[in-house]
Amino acid sequence: MLTDKWLRRSYVGYNREYFHDTLPAKLKVCFGVMGDKRHAAVTYFVEGQAIEIRIDKSLRGLGRYSKIVLLHEMMHVSVGNREKQYHGPMWRKERKRLLDAGAFTSLI
């Protein structure tokens, strides 16, 4: 079963490798209960700053999928919550950058 510590190590590694340590180093990253069962994860923002990435605890047994979801949420942190469309042009550009960099290659 995957732990919050495992998730944190994944975040730190991806931040270094794919985001050049530009994402918040102290951002809370954890497994938890989702308020809306339609979502696998959520990134919480307060006053424009990301404060937490929470991934549904039901994914603790799915390592590769949890990493895909984590990268997805890290893209939201990278772009911020400036877009009215949560998966708008800036987010899609960030997704393409990570795809081109090979971030998902070993996960799919």
Protein backbone atom coordinates (compact mmCIF):
# COMPACT_ATOMS: atom_id res chain seq x y z
CA MET A 1 0.00 0.00 0.00
CA LEU A 2 1.41 3.38 -1.03
CA THR A 3 1.98 6.03 1.63
CA ASP A 4 2.00 9.83 1.80
CA LYS A 5 5.79 9.58 2.13
CA TRP A 6 5.98 7.69 -1.19
CA LEU A 7 3.75 10.33 -2.80
CA ARG A 8 5.94 13.12 -1.41
CA ARG A 9 9.12 11.48 -2.77
CA SER A 10 7.44 11.20 -6.18
CA TYR A 11 6.47 14.88 -6.05
CA VAL A 12 10.00 15.98 -5.11
CA GLY A 13 11.53 13.83 -7.86
CA TYR A 14 9.14 15.05 -10.56
CA ASN A 15 9.53 18.65 -9.39
CA ARG A 16 13.30 18.32 -9.81
CA GLU A 17 13.26 16.39 -13.09
CA TYR A 18 10.40 17.97 -15.03
CA PHE A 19 9.71 21.32 -13.33
CA HIS A 20 13.31 22.31 -12.40
CA ASP A 21 12.28 22.79 -8.75
CA THR A 22 9.91 25.64 -9.63
CA LEU A 23 6.90 24.17 -7.83
CA PRO A 24 6.48 24.87 -4.09
CA ALA A 25 8.91 22.69 -2.13
CA LYS A 26 6.68 22.57 0.94
CA LEU A 27 3.39 21.90 -0.86
CA LYS A 28 1.31 19.34 1.03
CA VAL A 29 0.94 16.16 -1.05
CA CYS A 30 -1.17 13.36 0.39
CA PHE A 31 -3.71 10.61 -0.10
CA GLY A 32 -7.12 11.41 1.35
CA VAL A 33 -10.86 11.33 1.06
CA MET A 34 -12.30 13.17 -1.91
CA GLY A 35 -15.39 15.28 -1.33
CA ASP A 36 -16.59 14.61 -4.86
CA LYS A 37 -16.38 10.97 -5.97
CA ARG A 38 -16.11 12.04 -9.61
CA HIS A 39 -12.56 13.26 -8.98
CA ALA A 40 -9.43 11.16 -8.52
CA ALA A 41 -7.52 14.14 -7.16
CA VAL A 42 -7.71 17.84 -6.50
CA THR A 43 -5.31 20.74 -6.09
CA TYR A 44 -6.38 23.30 -3.54
CA PHE A 45 -5.51 26.97 -4.04
CA VAL A 46 -5.78 29.85 -1.55
CA GLU A 47 -5.35 33.39 -2.85
CA GLY A 48 -3.81 32.06 -6.05
CA GLN A 49 -1.25 29.83 -4.31
CA ALA A 50 -1.39 26.04 -4.39
CA ILE A 51 -1.52 24.68 -0.85
CA GLU A 52 -2.27 20.98 -1.31
CA ILE A 53 -2.49 18.14 -3.81
CA ARG A 54 -4.81 15.43 -2.52
CA ILE A 55 -5.16 12.10 -4.34
CA ASP A 56 -8.03 9.78 -3.54
CA LYS A 57 -6.96 7.18 -1.01
CA SER A 58 -8.59 4.44 -3.10
CA LEU A 59 -5.62 4.80 -5.50
CA ARG A 60 -3.04 3.74 -2.89
CA GLY A 61 -2.72 0.33 -4.52
CA LEU A 62 -2.14 1.74 -8.01
CA GLY A 63 1.40 3.12 -8.18
CA ARG A 64 1.68 4.04 -11.84
CA TYR A 65 -1.82 5.50 -11.98
CA SER A 66 -1.16 7.51 -8.81
CA LYS A 67 1.95 8.95 -10.46
CA ILE A 68 -0.02 9.89 -13.59
CA VAL A 69 -2.61 11.62 -11.42
CA LEU A 70 0.15 13.36 -9.44
CA LEU A 71 1.76 14.69 -12.63
CA HIS A 72 -1.67 15.88 -13.80
CA GLU A 73 -2.12 17.82 -10.55
CA MET A 74 1.43 19.17 -10.70
CA MET A 75 0.56 20.66 -14.09
CA HIS A 76 -2.27 22.54 -12.36
CA VAL A 77 0.19 23.84 -9.77
CA SER A 78 2.59 24.89 -12.52
CA VAL A 79 -0.07 26.79 -14.46
CA GLY A 80 -1.84 28.11 -11.37
CA ASN A 81 -5.53 28.81 -11.22
CA ARG A 82 -5.45 31.75 -13.63
CA GLU A 83 -7.49 30.03 -16.30
CA LYS A 84 -11.26 30.01 -16.18
CA GLN A 85 -11.12 26.66 -17.95
CA TYR A 86 -9.29 24.33 -15.61
CA HIS A 87 -7.85 22.38 -18.55
CA GLY A 88 -7.46 25.38 -20.82
CA PRO A 89 -4.71 26.29 -23.29
CA MET A 90 -2.00 26.91 -20.69
CA TRP A 91 -2.63 23.56 -18.99
CA ARG A 92 -2.68 21.73 -22.34
CA LYS A 93 0.61 23.38 -23.31
CA GLU A 94 2.13 22.16 -20.03
CA ARG A 95 0.77 18.66 -20.68
CA LYS A 96 2.41 18.62 -24.11
CA ARG A 97 5.71 19.78 -22.60
CA LEU A 98 5.66 16.89 -20.12
CA LEU A 99 4.65 14.38 -22.79
CA ASP A 100 7.52 15.56 -25.00
CA ALA A 101 9.92 15.36 -22.03
CA GLY A 102 8.95 11.70 -21.50
CA ALA A 103 7.34 12.16 -18.07
CA PHE A 104 4.65 9.58 -18.83
CA THR A 105 6.68 7.11 -20.90
CA SER A 106 7.42 4.62 -18.11
CA LEU A 107 3.91 4.99 -16.67
CA ILE A 108 1.79 3.98 -19.67
